[in-house]
């Protein structure tokens, strides 16, 4: 499964990418997770659920010319990644997950979260820039 979303923004791309490289800010906006904790090795452990189905995963973050979150789901047993690219005036988010039919609600949840994010993105970034003084 591949879900792509382009979000138009009026903010400077450096500030946007700096904020989106913070897993604690970005991942709950995209994935159905309720608990996100950082481990000693720099990875993240996340828990949540989708319509009663558990979602448990480990996440590694890689920041370079783009931001990549590598997802290793324990429940369900899946792998995937989130790639965030900053383009001129817009942010492209690509979610790739090898999804089984049983976890189709996960796809619906991610699509719903991305659609909601598209509507409130500029305001969330504005508030986060104020909070972080960026």
Protein backbone atom coordinates (compact mmCIF):
# COMPACT_ATOMS: atom_id res chain seq x y z
CA UNK A 1 0.00 0.00 0.00
CA UNK A 2 1.29 3.43 -0.93
CA UNK A 3 -0.43 6.60 0.20
CA UNK A 4 0.84 9.94 -1.13
CA UNK A 5 -0.22 13.38 0.00
CA UNK A 6 1.09 16.79 -1.08
CA UNK A 7 0.44 19.60 1.35
CA UNK A 8 0.82 23.24 0.35
CA UNK A 9 2.50 25.46 2.92
CA UNK A 10 3.37 29.14 3.20
CA UNK A 11 6.16 28.55 5.74
CA UNK A 12 9.88 28.44 4.99
CA UNK A 13 10.86 24.90 4.09
CA UNK A 14 13.84 24.79 6.49
CA UNK A 15 11.58 25.51 9.47
CA UNK A 16 8.94 23.01 8.27
CA UNK A 17 11.48 20.21 7.81
CA UNK A 18 13.07 20.95 11.18
CA UNK A 19 9.68 20.54 12.85
CA UNK A 20 8.74 17.44 10.82
CA UNK A 21 12.05 15.77 11.73
CA UNK A 22 10.77 15.61 15.32
CA UNK A 23 9.16 12.17 15.58
CA UNK A 24 7.14 13.17 18.65
CA UNK A 25 5.42 15.88 16.62
CA UNK A 26 5.08 14.16 13.24
CA UNK A 27 4.25 10.50 13.86
CA UNK A 28 1.01 11.00 15.85
CA UNK A 29 -0.21 13.21 12.98
CA UNK A 30 0.17 10.34 10.49
CA UNK A 31 -0.09 7.05 12.42
CA UNK A 32 -2.81 5.87 14.83
CA UNK A 33 -0.55 5.87 17.87
CA UNK A 34 -1.29 7.01 21.40
CA UNK A 35 2.00 6.24 23.17
CA UNK A 36 5.40 7.19 21.71
CA UNK A 37 8.57 6.73 23.75
CA UNK A 38 12.19 7.14 22.77
CA UNK A 39 14.56 4.26 23.44
CA UNK A 40 18.20 4.49 24.50
CA UNK A 41 19.40 3.56 20.99
CA UNK A 42 17.53 6.52 19.45
CA UNK A 43 14.65 4.49 18.04
CA UNK A 44 11.04 5.01 19.09
CA UNK A 45 8.49 2.56 20.47
CA UNK A 46 4.84 3.27 19.69
CA UNK A 47 1.49 1.78 20.68
CA UNK A 48 -2.03 2.48 19.52
CA UNK A 49 -5.06 0.85 18.02
CA UNK A 50 -7.36 0.99 15.04
CA UNK A 51 -10.97 -0.01 15.70
CA UNK A 52 -9.91 -2.38 18.48
CA UNK A 53 -7.00 -3.89 16.53
CA UNK A 54 -3.64 -3.28 18.29
CA UNK A 55 -0.85 -1.36 16.60
CA UNK A 56 2.62 -1.81 18.12
CA UNK A 57 5.76 -0.74 16.30
CA UNK A 58 9.38 0.34 16.49
CA UNK A 59 10.42 3.38 14.46
CA UNK A 60 13.83 4.53 13.28
CA UNK A 61 14.37 8.03 11.94
CA UNK A 62 16.81 9.04 9.20
CA UNK A 63 17.27 12.70 8.27
CA UNK A 64 19.13 13.72 5.13
CA UNK A 65 17.85 15.42 1.99
CA UNK A 66 14.49 14.00 3.09
CA UNK A 67 13.08 12.64 6.34
CA UNK A 68 12.50 8.90 6.48
CA UNK A 69 10.81 7.00 9.27
CA UNK A 70 11.33 3.23 8.98
CA UNK A 71 8.41 1.36 10.56
CA UNK A 72 8.77 -2.15 11.99
CA UNK A 73 5.33 -3.26 13.16
CA UNK A 74 5.22 -5.97 15.81
CA UNK A 75 1.40 -6.06 15.78
CA UNK A 76 0.47 -6.50 12.99
CA UNK A 77 3.62 -8.11 11.63
CA UNK A 78 4.37 -5.55 8.89
CA UNK A 79 7.14 -3.29 7.67
CA UNK A 80 6.92 0.10 6.07
CA UNK A 81 8.26 3.63 5.88
CA UNK A 82 7.20 7.23 5.79
CA UNK A 83 9.15 9.55 3.49
CA UNK A 84 8.77 13.32 3.80
CA UNK A 85 10.20 15.58 1.10
CA UNK A 86 10.22 19.36 1.19
CA UNK A 87 9.55 20.87 -2.20
CA UNK A 88 9.11 24.53 -3.12
CA UNK A 89 6.01 25.64 -1.22
CA UNK A 90 4.78 22.14 -0.46
CA UNK A 91 5.55 19.02 1.53
CA UNK A 92 5.15 15.56 0.03
CA UNK A 93 4.39 12.71 2.43
CA UNK A 94 4.58 9.13 1.18
CA UNK A 95 3.50 6.23 3.40
CA UNK A 96 4.49 2.75 2.22
CA UNK A 97 3.31 -0.25 4.23
CA UNK A 98 3.10 -3.91 3.18
CA UNK A 99 -0.47 -4.28 4.43
CA UNK A 100 -2.59 -7.39 4.81
CA UNK A 101 -6.35 -7.34 4.30
CA UNK A 102 -6.99 -7.84 8.02
CA UNK A 103 -5.48 -4.44 8.77
CA UNK A 104 -7.36 -2.52 6.09
CA UNK A 105 -8.67 -0.21 8.87
CA UNK A 106 -5.02 0.90 9.32
CA UNK A 107 -4.98 2.20 5.74
CA UNK A 108 -8.27 4.02 6.28
CA UNK A 109 -6.96 5.53 9.51
CA UNK A 110 -3.74 6.78 7.88
CA UNK A 111 -5.62 8.24 4.90
CA UNK A 112 -8.03 9.98 7.25
CA UNK A 113 -5.20 11.43 9.35
CA UNK A 114 -3.39 12.69 6.23
CA UNK A 115 -6.57 14.32 4.89
CA UNK A 116 -7.09 16.05 8.24
CA UNK A 117 -3.43 17.09 8.35
CA UNK A 118 -3.73 18.65 4.90
CA UNK A 119 -6.48 20.96 6.18
CA UNK A 120 -4.71 22.15 9.35
CA UNK A 121 -1.02 21.85 8.38
CA UNK A 122 -0.13 25.54 8.13
CA UNK A 123 -1.77 26.32 11.48
CA UNK A 124 -0.02 23.40 13.23
CA UNK A 125 3.34 24.52 11.83
CA UNK A 126 2.65 28.13 12.84
CA UNK A 127 1.84 27.14 16.42
CA UNK A 128 4.86 24.83 16.63
CA UNK A 129 7.15 27.59 15.29
CA UNK A 130 5.89 29.91 18.01
CA UNK A 131 6.37 27.21 20.66
CA UNK A 132 9.93 26.42 19.50
CA UNK A 133 10.79 30.04 18.59
CA UNK A 134 11.82 29.10 15.06
